[in-house]
């Protein structure tokens, strides 16, 4: 980013650190910030810091929340016998859009990926096992993305959970292989939930 004066280069460099933001987009975003009024820029910076300071993991399901526990865990009308295990908070948002699943969630915080240094110990698996000690839990739906890492994580979880006497199911492949839940449409996600299957 050395082609531009230092403050723009620095700003673009920070935008470039965001997932999915390339050099051109980072520069476009940097110039967009310059076009803001001082008040707008301060509001933008404040929103970033506000999110960093107020958002934390729900102590029950590990989803993102700005409250003591997240809205899903706090909702007494949810079915506490079923927990849907997802990779990240974006998947929770995607599944909630369908408005068909009435159970609870558990966010792993990623998938097992030895190539990237992500071992089972780095995920929220221990927290999931603690939740499964609750006699109310009778089914775990594994909704990791249908990637190599997602499948490996699903198999690992299945081996841990099945001895506990809990039904372990996997989302049906209404979700395309290699796709992310956050980009799937509501109909696809509904079919995937309805057609879930046992993990072998």
N, C-alpha and C. Protein backbone atom coordinates (compact mmCIF):
# COMPACT_ATOMS: atom_id res chain seq x y z
N UNK A 1 0.83 -1.20 0.00
CA UNK A 1 0.00 0.00 0.00
C UNK A 1 0.87 1.27 0.00
N UNK A 2 2.12 1.12 -0.41
CA UNK A 2 3.07 2.23 -0.34
C UNK A 2 2.85 3.28 -1.43
N UNK A 3 1.94 3.02 -2.37
CA UNK A 3 1.68 3.96 -3.47
C UNK A 3 0.94 5.21 -2.97
N UNK A 4 0.38 5.17 -1.76
CA UNK A 4 -0.43 6.27 -1.25
C UNK A 4 0.24 6.89 -0.03
N UNK A 5 -0.23 8.09 0.33
CA UNK A 5 0.36 8.74 1.50
C UNK A 5 0.13 7.86 2.73
N UNK A 6 1.01 7.97 3.70
CA UNK A 6 1.08 7.02 4.81
C UNK A 6 -0.24 6.80 5.56
N UNK A 7 -0.99 7.86 5.94
CA UNK A 7 -2.23 7.60 6.67
C UNK A 7 -3.23 6.74 5.89
N UNK A 8 -3.34 6.97 4.56
CA UNK A 8 -4.25 6.17 3.74
C UNK A 8 -3.73 4.73 3.66
N UNK A 9 -2.42 4.59 3.46
CA UNK A 9 -1.81 3.25 3.37
C UNK A 9 -2.05 2.47 4.66
N UNK A 10 -1.88 3.14 5.79
CA UNK A 10 -2.07 2.48 7.09
C UNK A 10 -3.52 2.04 7.27
N UNK A 11 -4.44 2.93 6.90
CA UNK A 11 -5.87 2.63 7.03
C UNK A 11 -6.25 1.46 6.12
N UNK A 12 -5.79 1.50 4.87
CA UNK A 12 -6.06 0.42 3.92
C UNK A 12 -5.46 -0.89 4.41
N UNK A 13 -4.29 -0.81 5.00
CA UNK A 13 -3.63 -2.00 5.54
C UNK A 13 -4.49 -2.66 6.62
N UNK A 14 -5.11 -1.83 7.47
CA UNK A 14 -5.98 -2.36 8.53
C UNK A 14 -7.23 -3.02 7.94
N UNK A 15 -7.82 -2.38 6.93
CA UNK A 15 -8.99 -2.98 6.27
C UNK A 15 -8.59 -4.29 5.60
N UNK A 16 -7.37 -4.32 5.04
CA UNK A 16 -6.87 -5.51 4.36
C UNK A 16 -6.69 -6.70 5.27
N UNK A 17 -6.66 -6.46 6.57
CA UNK A 17 -6.52 -7.55 7.54
C UNK A 17 -7.84 -8.27 7.79
N UNK A 18 -8.95 -7.69 7.32
CA UNK A 18 -10.26 -8.31 7.49
C UNK A 18 -10.42 -9.46 6.49
N UNK A 19 -11.10 -10.51 6.91
CA UNK A 19 -11.31 -11.69 6.05
C UNK A 19 -12.04 -11.30 4.77
N UNK A 20 -11.53 -11.76 3.64
CA UNK A 20 -12.18 -11.54 2.36
C UNK A 20 -11.98 -10.16 1.75
N UNK A 21 -11.14 -9.33 2.37
CA UNK A 21 -10.90 -7.98 1.84
C UNK A 21 -9.55 -7.96 1.13
N UNK A 22 -9.60 -7.75 -0.19
CA UNK A 22 -8.37 -7.65 -0.98
C UNK A 22 -7.84 -6.22 -0.99
N UNK A 23 -6.73 -6.02 -1.70
CA UNK A 23 -6.05 -4.71 -1.74
C UNK A 23 -6.95 -3.60 -2.29
N UNK A 24 -7.62 -3.88 -3.42
CA UNK A 24 -8.47 -2.84 -4.03
C UNK A 24 -9.64 -2.46 -3.12
N UNK A 25 -10.28 -3.47 -2.55
CA UNK A 25 -11.41 -3.20 -1.65
C UNK A 25 -10.93 -2.44 -0.42
N UNK A 26 -9.77 -2.81 0.11
CA UNK A 26 -9.21 -2.14 1.29
C UNK A 26 -8.98 -0.65 1.00
N UNK A 27 -8.46 -0.36 -0.18
CA UNK A 27 -8.24 1.04 -0.55
C UNK A 27 -9.56 1.79 -0.73
N UNK A 28 -10.54 1.11 -1.35
CA UNK A 28 -11.86 1.73 -1.54
C UNK A 28 -12.49 2.07 -0.18
N UNK A 29 -12.36 1.14 0.79
CA UNK A 29 -12.90 1.38 2.13
C UNK A 29 -12.16 2.53 2.83
N UNK A 30 -10.85 2.57 2.64
CA UNK A 30 -10.06 3.66 3.25
C UNK A 30 -10.51 5.01 2.73
N UNK A 31 -10.72 5.10 1.41
CA UNK A 31 -11.18 6.37 0.82
C UNK A 31 -12.61 6.68 1.25
N UNK A 32 -13.43 5.66 1.48
CA UNK A 32 -14.80 5.88 1.97
C UNK A 32 -14.77 6.53 3.34
N UNK A 33 -13.82 6.10 4.19
CA UNK A 33 -13.68 6.69 5.52
C UNK A 33 -13.27 8.15 5.40
N UNK A 34 -12.39 8.46 4.44
CA UNK A 34 -11.96 9.85 4.23
C UNK A 34 -13.11 10.73 3.80
N UNK A 35 -14.07 10.15 3.08
CA UNK A 35 -15.23 10.92 2.61
C UNK A 35 -16.24 11.19 3.73
N UNK A 36 -16.10 10.49 4.85
CA UNK A 36 -17.02 10.70 5.98
C UNK A 36 -16.75 12.04 6.64
N UNK A 37 -17.80 12.57 7.28
CA UNK A 37 -17.58 13.75 8.12
C UNK A 37 -16.84 13.28 9.37
N UNK A 38 -16.28 14.21 10.11
CA UNK A 38 -15.55 13.84 11.33
C UNK A 38 -16.48 13.11 12.30
N UNK A 39 -17.72 13.57 12.36
CA UNK A 39 -18.71 12.95 13.25
C UNK A 39 -19.00 11.50 12.84
N UNK A 40 -19.14 11.27 11.53
CA UNK A 40 -19.39 9.92 11.02
C UNK A 40 -18.19 9.01 11.29
N UNK A 41 -16.99 9.53 11.08
CA UNK A 41 -15.78 8.74 11.31
C UNK A 41 -15.65 8.37 12.78
N UNK A 42 -15.98 9.31 13.66
CA UNK A 42 -15.93 9.03 15.10
C UNK A 42 -16.97 7.97 15.47
N UNK A 43 -18.16 8.05 14.86
CA UNK A 43 -19.20 7.06 15.11
C UNK A 43 -18.77 5.67 14.63
N UNK A 44 -18.08 5.63 13.49
CA UNK A 44 -17.57 4.38 12.93
C UNK A 44 -16.55 3.76 13.88
N UNK A 45 -15.60 4.56 14.33
CA UNK A 45 -14.56 4.08 15.25
C UNK A 45 -15.18 3.65 16.58
N UNK A 46 -16.16 4.40 17.03
CA UNK A 46 -16.84 4.08 18.31
C UNK A 46 -17.59 2.75 18.22
N UNK A 47 -18.22 2.51 17.05
CA UNK A 47 -18.96 1.26 16.85
C UNK A 47 -18.01 0.05 16.91
N UNK A 48 -16.82 0.20 16.35
CA UNK A 48 -15.82 -0.87 16.39
C UNK A 48 -15.42 -1.15 17.84
N UNK A 49 -15.08 -0.10 18.58
CA UNK A 49 -14.63 -0.27 19.96
C UNK A 49 -15.77 -0.77 20.86
N UNK A 50 -16.98 -0.30 20.57
CA UNK A 50 -18.15 -0.73 21.33
C UNK A 50 -18.36 -2.24 21.18
N UNK A 51 -18.25 -2.71 19.93
CA UNK A 51 -18.41 -4.14 19.66
C UNK A 51 -17.32 -4.94 20.38
N UNK A 52 -16.09 -4.45 20.33
CA UNK A 52 -14.97 -5.15 20.98
C UNK A 52 -15.14 -5.22 22.49
N UNK A 53 -15.65 -4.16 23.10
CA UNK A 53 -15.78 -4.10 24.56
C UNK A 53 -17.02 -4.81 25.09
N UNK A 54 -18.13 -4.78 24.32
CA UNK A 54 -19.40 -5.29 24.84
C UNK A 54 -19.72 -6.74 24.45
N UNK A 55 -19.18 -7.20 23.32
CA UNK A 55 -19.52 -8.55 22.86
C UNK A 55 -18.57 -9.57 23.47
N UNK A 56 -19.16 -10.65 23.97
CA UNK A 56 -18.38 -11.73 24.58
C UNK A 56 -19.07 -13.05 24.27
N UNK A 57 -18.46 -14.15 24.68
CA UNK A 57 -19.07 -15.46 24.44
C UNK A 57 -20.10 -15.78 25.51
N UNK A 58 -21.22 -16.32 25.07
CA UNK A 58 -22.24 -16.79 26.02
C UNK A 58 -21.61 -17.93 26.83
N UNK A 59 -21.68 -17.88 28.15
CA UNK A 59 -21.05 -18.93 28.96
C UNK A 59 -21.68 -20.31 28.79
N UNK A 60 -22.88 -20.36 28.19
CA UNK A 60 -23.54 -21.65 27.99
C UNK A 60 -23.21 -22.24 26.62
N UNK A 61 -23.53 -21.50 25.56
CA UNK A 61 -23.41 -22.06 24.21
C UNK A 61 -22.21 -21.56 23.42
N UNK A 62 -21.50 -20.57 23.94
CA UNK A 62 -20.30 -20.01 23.29
C UNK A 62 -20.63 -19.15 22.06
N UNK A 63 -21.92 -18.77 21.91
CA UNK A 63 -22.29 -17.85 20.84
C UNK A 63 -21.93 -16.43 21.27
N UNK A 64 -21.91 -15.51 20.33
CA UNK A 64 -21.63 -14.12 20.67
C UNK A 64 -22.86 -13.47 21.28
N UNK A 65 -22.63 -12.65 22.30
CA UNK A 65 -23.74 -11.93 22.92
C UNK A 65 -23.22 -10.67 23.60
N UNK A 66 -24.12 -9.73 23.85
CA UNK A 66 -23.76 -8.53 24.62
C UNK A 66 -24.48 -8.55 25.97
N UNK A 67 -25.14 -9.71 26.25
CA UNK A 67 -25.86 -9.85 27.53
C UNK A 67 -25.15 -10.91 28.38
N UNK A 68 -25.70 -11.16 29.56
CA UNK A 68 -25.09 -12.16 30.44
C UNK A 68 -25.08 -13.53 29.76
N UNK A 69 -26.25 -13.93 29.21
CA UNK A 69 -26.32 -15.11 28.35
C UNK A 69 -27.07 -14.71 27.09
N UNK A 70 -26.85 -15.47 26.00
CA UNK A 70 -27.46 -15.07 24.72
C UNK A 70 -28.98 -15.25 24.73
N UNK A 71 -29.65 -14.63 23.76
CA UNK A 71 -31.12 -14.67 23.67
C UNK A 71 -31.66 -16.09 23.51
N UNK A 72 -30.94 -16.94 22.76
CA UNK A 72 -31.42 -18.31 22.54
C UNK A 72 -31.39 -19.09 23.85
N UNK A 73 -30.27 -19.02 24.57
CA UNK A 73 -30.16 -19.74 25.84
C UNK A 73 -31.14 -19.20 26.88
N UNK A 74 -31.44 -17.91 26.79
CA UNK A 74 -32.35 -17.29 27.76
C UNK A 74 -33.83 -17.59 27.46
N UNK A 75 -34.11 -18.06 26.25
CA UNK A 75 -35.50 -18.30 25.83
C UNK A 75 -36.01 -19.62 26.42
N UNK A 76 -36.90 -19.54 27.38
CA UNK A 76 -37.39 -20.74 28.08
C UNK A 76 -38.31 -21.60 27.20
N UNK A 77 -38.74 -21.06 26.05
CA UNK A 77 -39.62 -21.83 25.16
C UNK A 77 -38.83 -22.76 24.22
N UNK A 78 -37.50 -22.64 24.22
CA UNK A 78 -36.69 -23.49 23.33
C UNK A 78 -36.64 -24.92 23.84
N UNK A 79 -36.50 -25.86 22.91
CA UNK A 79 -36.40 -27.28 23.23
C UNK A 79 -34.99 -27.58 23.74
N UNK A 80 -34.87 -27.86 25.03
CA UNK A 80 -33.56 -28.06 25.65
C UNK A 80 -33.02 -29.47 25.48
N UNK A 81 -33.79 -30.32 24.79
CA UNK A 81 -33.32 -31.71 24.59
C UNK A 81 -32.45 -31.83 23.33
N UNK A 82 -32.46 -30.80 22.49
CA UNK A 82 -31.72 -30.85 21.22
C UNK A 82 -30.72 -29.70 21.13
N UNK A 83 -29.47 -30.04 20.82
CA UNK A 83 -28.43 -29.02 20.64
C UNK A 83 -27.86 -29.14 19.23
N UNK A 84 -27.85 -28.04 18.52
CA UNK A 84 -27.28 -27.99 17.17
C UNK A 84 -25.86 -27.42 17.28
N UNK A 85 -24.88 -28.21 16.86
CA UNK A 85 -23.48 -27.80 16.98
C UNK A 85 -23.02 -27.18 15.67
N UNK A 86 -22.53 -25.93 15.75
CA UNK A 86 -22.09 -25.21 14.55
C UNK A 86 -20.66 -24.72 14.73
N UNK A 87 -20.06 -24.30 13.62
CA UNK A 87 -18.68 -23.83 13.66
C UNK A 87 -18.55 -22.45 14.28
N UNK A 88 -19.45 -21.53 13.90
CA UNK A 88 -19.29 -20.15 14.35
C UNK A 88 -20.64 -19.45 14.49
N UNK A 89 -20.60 -18.23 15.00
CA UNK A 89 -21.82 -17.45 15.25
C UNK A 89 -22.58 -17.14 13.97
N UNK A 90 -21.89 -17.05 12.83
CA UNK A 90 -22.57 -16.76 11.56
C UNK A 90 -23.53 -17.89 11.19
N UNK A 91 -23.15 -19.12 11.53
CA UNK A 91 -24.02 -20.27 11.23
C UNK A 91 -25.29 -20.22 12.09
N UNK A 92 -25.17 -19.75 13.33
CA UNK A 92 -26.35 -19.60 14.20
C UNK A 92 -27.32 -18.62 13.55
N UNK A 93 -26.81 -17.50 13.08
CA UNK A 93 -27.66 -16.49 12.43
C UNK A 93 -28.36 -17.08 11.22
N UNK A 94 -27.62 -17.85 10.41
CA UNK A 94 -28.19 -18.45 9.21
C UNK A 94 -29.32 -19.41 9.57
N UNK A 95 -29.11 -20.27 10.56
CA UNK A 95 -30.13 -21.24 10.96
C UNK A 95 -31.34 -20.58 11.62
N UNK A 96 -31.11 -19.51 12.35
CA UNK A 96 -32.21 -18.81 13.00
C UNK A 96 -33.13 -18.13 11.99
N UNK A 97 -32.59 -17.77 10.82
CA UNK A 97 -33.40 -17.15 9.77
C UNK A 97 -34.49 -18.09 9.28
N UNK A 98 -34.23 -19.41 9.34
CA UNK A 98 -35.18 -20.41 8.86
C UNK A 98 -36.42 -20.44 9.75
N UNK A 99 -36.25 -20.14 11.03
CA UNK A 99 -37.34 -20.11 12.03
C UNK A 99 -38.02 -21.47 12.20
N UNK A 100 -37.31 -22.56 11.93
CA UNK A 100 -37.88 -23.90 12.09
C UNK A 100 -37.24 -24.65 13.24
N UNK A 101 -35.97 -24.38 13.49
CA UNK A 101 -35.27 -25.08 14.56
C UNK A 101 -35.55 -24.40 15.89
N UNK A 102 -36.06 -25.15 16.86
CA UNK A 102 -36.43 -24.56 18.15
C UNK A 102 -35.58 -25.08 19.30
N UNK A 103 -34.49 -25.77 18.97
CA UNK A 103 -33.59 -26.26 20.01
C UNK A 103 -32.57 -25.21 20.40
N UNK A 104 -31.49 -25.66 21.01
CA UNK A 104 -30.40 -24.79 21.42
C UNK A 104 -29.21 -24.97 20.48
N UNK A 105 -28.19 -24.15 20.66
CA UNK A 105 -26.98 -24.21 19.83
C UNK A 105 -25.75 -24.41 20.70
N UNK A 106 -24.69 -24.85 20.02
CA UNK A 106 -23.36 -24.84 20.65
C UNK A 106 -22.37 -24.44 19.56
N UNK A 107 -21.61 -23.38 19.82
CA UNK A 107 -20.66 -22.86 18.84
C UNK A 107 -19.26 -23.38 19.18
N UNK A 108 -18.67 -24.12 18.24
CA UNK A 108 -17.34 -24.72 18.47
C UNK A 108 -16.21 -23.69 18.41
N UNK A 109 -16.41 -22.66 17.61
CA UNK A 109 -15.33 -21.68 17.42
C UNK A 109 -14.34 -22.13 16.36
N UNK A 110 -14.80 -22.96 15.41
CA UNK A 110 -13.95 -23.43 14.33
C UNK A 110 -14.13 -24.91 14.10
N UNK A 111 -13.19 -25.49 13.34
CA UNK A 111 -13.20 -26.93 13.07
C UNK A 111 -11.78 -27.47 13.27
N UNK A 112 -11.69 -28.77 13.48
CA UNK A 112 -10.38 -29.40 13.64
C UNK A 112 -9.63 -29.29 12.32
N UNK A 113 -8.43 -28.71 12.38
CA UNK A 113 -7.61 -28.53 11.18
C UNK A 113 -6.14 -28.54 11.57
N UNK A 114 -5.55 -29.75 11.67
CA UNK A 114 -4.14 -29.83 12.08
C UNK A 114 -3.20 -29.00 11.21
N UNK A 115 -3.53 -28.89 9.91
CA UNK A 115 -2.68 -28.10 8.99
C UNK A 115 -2.62 -26.64 9.42
N UNK A 116 -3.71 -26.15 10.03
CA UNK A 116 -3.76 -24.76 10.49
C UNK A 116 -3.52 -24.64 11.99
N UNK A 117 -3.08 -25.72 12.60
CA UNK A 117 -2.78 -25.70 14.04
C UNK A 117 -4.00 -25.71 14.93
N UNK A 118 -5.18 -26.10 14.39
CA UNK A 118 -6.39 -26.15 15.20
C UNK A 118 -6.64 -27.59 15.65
N UNK A 119 -6.34 -27.86 16.90
CA UNK A 119 -6.54 -29.18 17.49
C UNK A 119 -7.86 -29.17 18.26
N UNK A 120 -8.40 -30.35 18.62
CA UNK A 120 -9.66 -30.39 19.37
C UNK A 120 -9.63 -29.55 20.65
N UNK A 121 -8.47 -29.48 21.28
CA UNK A 121 -8.34 -28.71 22.54
C UNK A 121 -8.59 -27.22 22.33
N UNK A 122 -8.42 -26.74 21.10
CA UNK A 122 -8.60 -25.31 20.84
C UNK A 122 -10.06 -24.96 20.54
N UNK A 123 -10.92 -25.97 20.43
CA UNK A 123 -12.34 -25.74 20.17
C UNK A 123 -13.13 -25.88 21.47
N UNK A 124 -14.40 -25.49 21.42
CA UNK A 124 -15.26 -25.52 22.62
C UNK A 124 -15.95 -26.89 22.76
N UNK A 125 -15.14 -27.95 22.65
CA UNK A 125 -15.67 -29.31 22.73
C UNK A 125 -15.90 -29.72 24.19
N UNK A 126 -14.98 -29.35 25.05
CA UNK A 126 -15.12 -29.68 26.47
C UNK A 126 -16.41 -29.09 27.03
N UNK A 127 -16.73 -27.85 26.62
CA UNK A 127 -17.95 -27.18 27.07
C UNK A 127 -19.20 -27.92 26.56
N UNK A 128 -19.11 -28.46 25.33
CA UNK A 128 -20.23 -29.23 24.78
C UNK A 128 -20.45 -30.51 25.59
N UNK A 129 -19.37 -31.20 25.92
CA UNK A 129 -19.48 -32.44 26.69
C UNK A 129 -20.09 -32.18 28.07
N UNK A 130 -19.74 -31.06 28.66
CA UNK A 130 -20.32 -30.69 29.96
C UNK A 130 -21.83 -30.49 29.83
N UNK A 131 -22.27 -29.87 28.75
CA UNK A 131 -23.70 -29.66 28.53
C UNK A 131 -24.43 -30.98 28.33
N UNK A 132 -23.74 -31.95 27.74
CA UNK A 132 -24.35 -33.25 27.46
C UNK A 132 -24.53 -34.09 28.72
N UNK A 133 -23.91 -33.67 29.80
CA UNK A 133 -24.12 -34.37 31.07
C UNK A 133 -25.51 -34.10 31.62
N UNK A 134 -26.15 -33.04 31.09
CA UNK A 134 -27.52 -32.71 31.48
C UNK A 134 -28.45 -33.78 30.93
N UNK A 135 -29.25 -34.40 31.79
CA UNK A 135 -30.12 -35.51 31.38
C UNK A 135 -31.18 -35.09 30.37
N UNK A 136 -31.41 -33.78 30.23
CA UNK A 136 -32.41 -33.29 29.26
C UNK A 136 -31.96 -33.49 27.82
N UNK A 137 -30.65 -33.47 27.57
CA UNK A 137 -30.12 -33.53 26.21
C UNK A 137 -30.26 -34.95 25.65
N UNK A 138 -31.01 -35.07 24.54
CA UNK A 138 -31.21 -36.40 23.94
C UNK A 138 -30.71 -36.48 22.50
N UNK A 139 -30.49 -35.31 21.87
CA UNK A 139 -29.98 -35.31 20.49
C UNK A 139 -29.01 -34.18 20.25
N UNK A 140 -27.92 -34.51 19.56
CA UNK A 140 -26.96 -33.51 19.11
C UNK A 140 -27.00 -33.52 17.58
N UNK A 141 -27.32 -32.37 16.99
CA UNK A 141 -27.29 -32.23 15.53
C UNK A 141 -25.95 -31.58 15.18
N UNK A 142 -25.13 -32.27 14.42
CA UNK A 142 -23.84 -31.69 14.02
C UNK A 142 -24.03 -30.95 12.71
N UNK A 143 -23.84 -29.64 12.74
CA UNK A 143 -24.09 -28.79 11.57
C UNK A 143 -22.82 -28.06 11.15
N UNK A 144 -21.69 -28.78 11.21
CA UNK A 144 -20.45 -28.19 10.68
C UNK A 144 -20.58 -28.14 9.16
N UNK A 145 -19.82 -27.26 8.52
CA UNK A 145 -19.90 -27.13 7.06
C UNK A 145 -19.43 -28.41 6.38
N UNK A 146 -19.99 -28.74 5.21
CA UNK A 146 -19.62 -29.97 4.52
C UNK A 146 -18.29 -29.86 3.78
N UNK A 147 -17.23 -29.59 4.54
CA UNK A 147 -15.86 -29.53 4.02
C UNK A 147 -15.10 -30.70 4.63
N UNK A 148 -13.87 -30.92 4.18
CA UNK A 148 -13.06 -32.01 4.74
C UNK A 148 -12.91 -31.82 6.24
N UNK A 149 -12.59 -30.59 6.66
CA UNK A 149 -12.40 -30.30 8.09
C UNK A 149 -13.70 -30.43 8.86
N UNK A 150 -14.80 -29.96 8.25
CA UNK A 150 -16.11 -30.05 8.90
C UNK A 150 -16.52 -31.50 9.11
N UNK A 151 -16.27 -32.35 8.10
CA UNK A 151 -16.59 -33.77 8.21
C UNK A 151 -15.73 -34.46 9.26
N UNK A 152 -14.44 -34.11 9.28
CA UNK A 152 -13.54 -34.71 10.27
C UNK A 152 -13.97 -34.32 11.69
N UNK A 153 -14.39 -33.08 11.85
CA UNK A 153 -14.86 -32.60 13.16
C UNK A 153 -16.14 -33.34 13.56
N UNK A 154 -17.04 -33.54 12.60
CA UNK A 154 -18.30 -34.25 12.87
C UNK A 154 -18.02 -35.69 13.33
N UNK A 155 -17.08 -36.36 12.65
CA UNK A 155 -16.74 -37.74 13.02
C UNK A 155 -16.11 -37.80 14.41
N UNK A 156 -15.25 -36.82 14.71
CA UNK A 156 -14.59 -36.75 16.02
C UNK A 156 -15.64 -36.57 17.12
N UNK A 157 -16.57 -35.65 16.91
CA UNK A 157 -17.62 -35.39 17.89
C UNK A 157 -18.52 -36.62 18.07
N UNK A 158 -18.83 -37.28 16.96
CA UNK A 158 -19.68 -38.47 17.03
C UNK A 158 -19.06 -39.54 17.91
N UNK A 159 -17.75 -39.75 17.76
CA UNK A 159 -17.06 -40.77 18.56
C UNK A 159 -17.07 -40.41 20.05
N UNK A 160 -17.06 -39.12 20.35
CA UNK A 160 -17.09 -38.68 21.76
C UNK A 160 -18.50 -38.78 22.35
N UNK A 161 -19.51 -38.47 21.54
CA UNK A 161 -20.88 -38.34 22.04
C UNK A 161 -21.68 -39.64 22.07
N UNK A 162 -21.48 -40.50 21.10
CA UNK A 162 -22.30 -41.72 21.03
C UNK A 162 -22.21 -42.59 22.29
N UNK A 163 -21.02 -42.73 22.91
CA UNK A 163 -20.96 -43.53 24.14
C UNK A 163 -21.79 -42.95 25.29
N UNK A 164 -22.19 -41.67 25.17
CA UNK A 164 -22.99 -41.04 26.22
C UNK A 164 -24.48 -41.41 26.10
N UNK A 165 -24.81 -42.16 25.06
CA UNK A 165 -26.20 -42.57 24.87
C UNK A 165 -27.07 -41.48 24.27
N UNK A 166 -26.43 -40.51 23.60
CA UNK A 166 -27.16 -39.40 22.98
C UNK A 166 -27.23 -39.65 21.48
N UNK A 167 -28.39 -39.41 20.86
CA UNK A 167 -28.52 -39.54 19.41
C UNK A 167 -27.68 -38.45 18.76
N UNK A 168 -26.84 -38.84 17.81
CA UNK A 168 -25.99 -37.88 17.09
C UNK A 168 -26.40 -37.90 15.63
N UNK A 169 -26.89 -36.75 15.13
CA UNK A 169 -27.31 -36.65 13.74
C UNK A 169 -26.48 -35.60 13.02
N UNK A 170 -26.53 -35.64 11.70
CA UNK A 170 -25.78 -34.71 10.86
C UNK A 170 -26.77 -34.04 9.92
N UNK A 171 -26.57 -32.78 9.59
CA UNK A 171 -27.44 -32.12 8.62
C UNK A 171 -27.40 -32.88 7.30
N UNK A 172 -28.56 -33.03 6.66
CA UNK A 172 -28.61 -33.67 5.35
C UNK A 172 -27.95 -32.74 4.33
N UNK A 173 -27.55 -33.31 3.21
CA UNK A 173 -26.84 -32.50 2.22
C UNK A 173 -27.74 -31.70 1.31
N UNK A 174 -28.62 -30.93 1.90
CA UNK A 174 -29.29 -29.87 1.16
C UNK A 174 -28.29 -28.74 1.02
N UNK A 175 -27.31 -28.72 1.94
CA UNK A 175 -26.23 -27.73 1.90
C UNK A 175 -25.15 -28.28 0.97
N UNK A 176 -24.74 -27.52 -0.05
CA UNK A 176 -23.77 -28.06 -1.01
C UNK A 176 -22.40 -28.31 -0.39
N UNK A 177 -21.72 -29.36 -0.87
CA UNK A 177 -20.36 -29.66 -0.40
C UNK A 177 -19.45 -28.50 -0.74
N UNK A 178 -18.66 -28.08 0.23
CA UNK A 178 -17.76 -26.95 0.03
C UNK A 178 -18.41 -25.61 0.30
N UNK A 179 -19.73 -25.63 0.63
CA UNK A 179 -20.44 -24.37 0.88
C UNK A 179 -20.47 -24.00 2.35
N UNK A 180 -20.78 -22.75 2.64
CA UNK A 180 -20.91 -22.27 4.01
C UNK A 180 -22.37 -22.07 4.35
N UNK A 181 -22.75 -22.41 5.59
CA UNK A 181 -24.15 -22.27 6.01
C UNK A 181 -24.65 -20.84 5.87
N UNK A 182 -23.77 -19.88 6.13
CA UNK A 182 -24.21 -18.48 6.12
C UNK A 182 -24.68 -18.02 4.73
N UNK A 183 -24.26 -18.74 3.67
CA UNK A 183 -24.65 -18.34 2.31
C UNK A 183 -25.80 -19.18 1.76
N UNK A 184 -26.23 -20.18 2.52
CA UNK A 184 -27.34 -21.03 2.05
C UNK A 184 -28.67 -20.32 2.25
N UNK A 185 -29.61 -20.56 1.32
CA UNK A 185 -30.93 -19.93 1.45
C UNK A 185 -31.78 -20.68 2.47
N UNK A 186 -32.89 -20.07 2.87
CA UNK A 186 -33.75 -20.63 3.91
C UNK A 186 -34.31 -22.00 3.56
N UNK A 187 -34.71 -22.19 2.30
CA UNK A 187 -35.30 -23.47 1.88
C UNK A 187 -34.26 -24.58 2.00
N UNK A 188 -33.05 -24.31 1.54
CA UNK A 188 -31.97 -25.30 1.60
C UNK A 188 -31.69 -25.68 3.05
N UNK A 189 -31.63 -24.67 3.93
CA UNK A 189 -31.35 -24.94 5.34
C UNK A 189 -32.51 -25.70 5.99
N UNK A 190 -33.74 -25.37 5.61
CA UNK A 190 -34.90 -26.08 6.16
C UNK A 190 -34.86 -27.56 5.77
N UNK A 191 -34.55 -27.83 4.50
CA UNK A 191 -34.46 -29.22 4.04
C UNK A 191 -33.32 -29.95 4.73
N UNK A 192 -32.24 -29.24 4.95
CA UNK A 192 -31.08 -29.86 5.62
C UNK A 192 -31.43 -30.25 7.05
N UNK A 193 -32.16 -29.38 7.75
CA UNK A 193 -32.55 -29.69 9.14
C UNK A 193 -33.55 -30.85 9.16
N UNK A 194 -34.54 -30.78 8.27
CA UNK A 194 -35.57 -31.82 8.23
C UNK A 194 -35.00 -33.19 7.83
N UNK A 195 -33.99 -33.20 6.97
CA UNK A 195 -33.44 -34.46 6.48
C UNK A 195 -32.17 -34.91 7.18
N UNK A 196 -31.95 -34.44 8.40
CA UNK A 196 -30.72 -34.83 9.11
C UNK A 196 -30.69 -36.35 9.31
N UNK A 197 -29.48 -36.90 9.43
CA UNK A 197 -29.32 -38.35 9.49
C UNK A 197 -28.37 -38.74 10.61
N UNK A 198 -28.37 -40.03 10.94
CA UNK A 198 -27.44 -40.53 11.95
C UNK A 198 -26.02 -40.44 11.45
N UNK A 199 -25.08 -40.17 12.35
CA UNK A 199 -23.66 -40.15 12.00
C UNK A 199 -23.14 -41.57 12.19
N UNK A 200 -22.58 -42.13 11.14
CA UNK A 200 -22.07 -43.52 11.21
C UNK A 200 -20.72 -43.57 11.91
